[in-house]
Amino acid sequence: MEERFLSKEFITKSGRRMKINRLVSALYGLSEFDLNVYSIIREKREITLKELIEITNKNKPILIKSLKNLENLDLITKQKIRNGEKGRPVYIYKINSILENILLTDLKELVNFIH
């Protein structure tokens, strides 16, 4: 799944070894933690902020920043659900775009741009 995809390593023609997560980080400005959050959401299919806090052991501001980074790239969506009549709404985060597809599209565009 995603985590395996991101942790794979490839070797360039010059012999340089590079993990895919480093390439993705460079292309999209995502941190390793952002990619970890994306992988968790993809694995769970949908998840709340509270659940992410429990899984990652990170505090709310760090997770919100990471979720915003992923939302800004349209990799995830946030859906508001009501938790009863009163109180604050709860948000569920879901995958919006598959990272491999975005990466493939962008790399094809890069190749076309070069030619």
C-alpha atoms as a PDB file:
ATOM      1  CA  MET A   1       0.000   0.000   0.000  1.00  0.00           C
ATOM      2  CA  GLU A   2       1.058   3.651   0.342  1.00  0.00           C
ATOM      3  CA  GLU A   3       3.665   3.193   3.035  1.00  0.00           C
ATOM      4  CA  ARG A   4       5.421   0.523   0.986  1.00  0.00           C
ATOM      5  CA  PHE A   5       5.258   2.759  -2.078  1.00  0.00           C
ATOM      6  CA  LEU A   6       6.803   5.692  -0.215  1.00  0.00           C
ATOM      7  CA  SER A   7       9.569   3.653   1.399  1.00  0.00           C
ATOM      8  CA  LYS A   8      10.729   2.048  -1.840  1.00  0.00           C
ATOM      9  CA  GLU A   9      14.148   3.003  -3.056  1.00  0.00           C
ATOM     10  CA  PHE A  10      15.214   3.480  -6.639  1.00  0.00           C
ATOM     11  CA  ILE A  11      18.607   3.888  -8.259  1.00  0.00           C
ATOM     12  CA  THR A  12      19.190   6.561 -10.874  1.00  0.00           C
ATOM     13  CA  LYS A  13      21.335   6.030 -13.973  1.00  0.00           C
ATOM     14  CA  SER A  14      24.180   7.786 -12.161  1.00  0.00           C
ATOM     15  CA  GLY A  15      23.949   5.194  -9.392  1.00  0.00           C
ATOM     16  CA  ARG A  16      22.412   7.511  -6.820  1.00  0.00           C
ATOM     17  CA  ARG A  17      19.995   5.787  -4.430  1.00  0.00           C
ATOM     18  CA  MET A  18      16.860   7.671  -3.468  1.00  0.00           C
ATOM     19  CA  LYS A  19      13.737   6.788  -1.534  1.00  0.00           C
ATOM     20  CA  ILE A  20      10.478   7.805  -3.132  1.00  0.00           C
ATOM     21  CA  ASN A  21       9.377   9.678  -0.013  1.00  0.00           C
ATOM     22  CA  ARG A  22      12.340  12.057  -0.429  1.00  0.00           C
ATOM     23  CA  LEU A  23      11.403  12.740  -4.036  1.00  0.00           C
ATOM     24  CA  VAL A  24       7.770  13.360  -3.049  1.00  0.00           C
ATOM     25  CA  SER A  25       8.917  15.661  -0.233  1.00  0.00           C
ATOM     26  CA  ALA A  26      11.072  17.672  -2.626  1.00  0.00           C
ATOM     27  CA  LEU A  27       8.378  17.958  -5.300  1.00  0.00           C
ATOM     28  CA  TYR A  28       5.455  18.854  -3.042  1.00  0.00           C
ATOM     29  CA  GLY A  29       7.048  20.358   0.063  1.00  0.00           C
ATOM     30  CA  LEU A  30       5.674  17.658   2.334  1.00  0.00           C
ATOM     31  CA  SER A  31       7.486  16.546   5.454  1.00  0.00           C
ATOM     32  CA  GLU A  32       8.060  12.935   6.386  1.00  0.00           C
ATOM     33  CA  PHE A  33       5.382  13.404   9.055  1.00  0.00           C
ATOM     34  CA  ASP A  34       2.909  14.753   6.439  1.00  0.00           C
ATOM     35  CA  LEU A  35       3.492  11.612   4.389  1.00  0.00           C
ATOM     36  CA  ASN A  36       3.026   9.462   7.472  1.00  0.00           C
ATOM     37  CA  VAL A  37      -0.318  11.172   8.193  1.00  0.00           C
ATOM     38  CA  TYR A  38      -1.364  10.650   4.567  1.00  0.00           C
ATOM     39  CA  SER A  39      -0.491   6.946   4.851  1.00  0.00           C
ATOM     40  CA  ILE A  40      -2.530   6.593   8.041  1.00  0.00           C
ATOM     41  CA  ILE A  41      -5.568   8.257   6.473  1.00  0.00           C
ATOM     42  CA  ARG A  42      -5.248   6.106   3.388  1.00  0.00           C
ATOM     43  CA  GLU A  43      -5.018   2.934   5.464  1.00  0.00           C
ATOM     44  CA  LYS A  44      -7.978   3.852   7.702  1.00  0.00           C
ATOM     45  CA  ARG A  45     -10.077   5.253   4.798  1.00  0.00           C
ATOM     46  CA  GLU A  46     -11.501   7.915   7.129  1.00  0.00           C
ATOM     47  CA  ILE A  47     -10.300   9.245  10.464  1.00  0.00           C
ATOM     48  CA  THR A  48     -10.942  12.002  12.986  1.00  0.00           C
ATOM     49  CA  LEU A  49      -8.364  14.381  14.418  1.00  0.00           C
ATOM     50  CA  LYS A  50      -8.793  12.732  17.819  1.00  0.00           C
ATOM     51  CA  GLU A  51      -7.958   9.326  16.319  1.00  0.00           C
ATOM     52  CA  LEU A  52      -4.899  10.762  14.556  1.00  0.00           C
ATOM     53  CA  ILE A  53      -3.690  12.242  17.850  1.00  0.00           C
ATOM     54  CA  GLU A  54      -3.998   8.822  19.496  1.00  0.00           C
ATOM     55  CA  ILE A  55      -2.197   7.002  16.660  1.00  0.00           C
ATOM     56  CA  THR A  56       0.664   9.476  16.151  1.00  0.00           C
ATOM     57  CA  ASN A  57       1.102  10.698  19.749  1.00  0.00           C
ATOM     58  CA  LYS A  58       1.479  14.238  18.352  1.00  0.00           C
ATOM     59  CA  ASN A  59      -0.328  17.305  19.598  1.00  0.00           C
ATOM     60  CA  LYS A  60      -3.262  18.960  17.864  1.00  0.00           C
ATOM     61  CA  PRO A  61      -1.416  21.978  16.323  1.00  0.00           C
ATOM     62  CA  ILE A  62       1.198  19.724  14.690  1.00  0.00           C
ATOM     63  CA  LEU A  63      -1.499  17.499  13.198  1.00  0.00           C
ATOM     64  CA  ILE A  64      -3.623  20.422  12.016  1.00  0.00           C
ATOM     65  CA  LYS A  65      -0.589  21.866  10.187  1.00  0.00           C
ATOM     66  CA  SER A  66       0.083  18.528   8.532  1.00  0.00           C
ATOM     67  CA  LEU A  67      -3.584  18.082   7.572  1.00  0.00           C
ATOM     68  CA  LYS A  68      -3.621  21.601   6.054  1.00  0.00           C
ATOM     69  CA  ASN A  69      -0.533  20.756   3.988  1.00  0.00           C
ATOM     70  CA  LEU A  70      -2.287  17.665   2.634  1.00  0.00           C
ATOM     71  CA  GLU A  71      -5.543  19.557   2.043  1.00  0.00           C
ATOM     72  CA  ASN A  72      -3.723  22.320   0.147  1.00  0.00           C
ATOM     73  CA  LEU A  73      -2.495  19.693  -2.327  1.00  0.00           C
ATOM     74  CA  ASP A  74      -6.000  18.161  -2.559  1.00  0.00           C
ATOM     75  CA  LEU A  75      -4.649  14.868  -1.272  1.00  0.00           C
ATOM     76  CA  ILE A  76      -7.261  14.746   1.493  1.00  0.00           C
ATOM     77  CA  THR A  77     -10.680  16.244   2.169  1.00  0.00           C
ATOM     78  CA  LYS A  78     -12.276  17.285   5.406  1.00  0.00           C
ATOM     79  CA  GLN A  79     -15.953  16.571   6.021  1.00  0.00           C
ATOM     80  CA  LYS A  80     -17.859  18.113   8.924  1.00  0.00           C
ATOM     81  CA  ILE A  81     -20.164  15.839  10.864  1.00  0.00           C
ATOM     82  CA  ARG A  82     -22.305  16.718  13.827  1.00  0.00           C
ATOM     83  CA  ASN A  83     -21.704  14.918  17.077  1.00  0.00           C
ATOM     84  CA  GLY A  84     -25.185  15.378  18.515  1.00  0.00           C
ATOM     85  CA  GLU A  85     -27.053  18.678  18.701  1.00  0.00           C
ATOM     86  CA  LYS A  86     -24.588  20.607  20.862  1.00  0.00           C
ATOM     87  CA  GLY A  87     -20.875  21.097  20.963  1.00  0.00           C
ATOM     88  CA  ARG A  88     -18.272  21.541  18.316  1.00  0.00           C
ATOM     89  CA  PRO A  89     -18.537  19.662  15.055  1.00  0.00           C
ATOM     90  CA  VAL A  90     -16.257  16.711  14.410  1.00  0.00           C
ATOM     91  CA  TYR A  91     -14.318  16.499  11.159  1.00  0.00           C
ATOM     92  CA  ILE A  92     -13.555  13.318   9.292  1.00  0.00           C
ATOM     93  CA  TYR A  93     -10.534  13.267   6.993  1.00  0.00           C
ATOM     94  CA  LYS A  94     -10.557  11.121   3.856  1.00  0.00           C
ATOM     95  CA  ILE A  95      -8.301  10.550   0.880  1.00  0.00           C
ATOM     96  CA  ASN A  96      -9.200  12.755  -2.069  1.00  0.00           C
ATOM     97  CA  SER A  97      -6.370  11.959  -4.479  1.00  0.00           C
ATOM     98  CA  ILE A  98      -4.005   9.019  -4.747  1.00  0.00           C
ATOM     99  CA  LEU A  99      -0.439  10.252  -4.415  1.00  0.00           C
ATOM    100  CA  GLU A 100       0.959   7.831  -7.007  1.00  0.00           C
ATOM    101  CA  ASN A 101      -1.437   9.199  -9.638  1.00  0.00           C
ATOM    102  CA  ILE A 102      -0.497  12.811  -8.904  1.00  0.00           C
ATOM    103  CA  LEU A 103       3.201  11.958  -8.987  1.00  0.00           C
ATOM    104  CA  LEU A 104       2.871  10.091 -12.284  1.00  0.00           C
ATOM    105  CA  THR A 105       0.925  12.956 -13.884  1.00  0.00           C
ATOM    106  CA  ASP A 106       3.424  15.559 -12.707  1.00  0.00           C
ATOM    107  CA  LEU A 107       6.426  13.545 -13.867  1.00  0.00           C
ATOM    108  CA  LYS A 108       4.828  13.068 -17.307  1.00  0.00           C
ATOM    109  CA  GLU A 109       4.248  16.827 -17.509  1.00  0.00           C
ATOM    110  CA  LEU A 110       7.876  17.420 -16.545  1.00  0.00           C
ATOM    111  CA  VAL A 111       9.103  15.099 -19.296  1.00  0.00           C
ATOM    112  CA  ASN A 112       6.814  16.790 -21.838  1.00  0.00           C
ATOM    113  CA  PHE A 113       8.076  20.192 -20.709  1.00  0.00           C
ATOM    114  CA  ILE A 114      11.682  19.127 -21.219  1.00  0.00           C
ATOM    115  CA  HIS A 115      11.003  17.820 -24.705  1.00  0.00           C
END
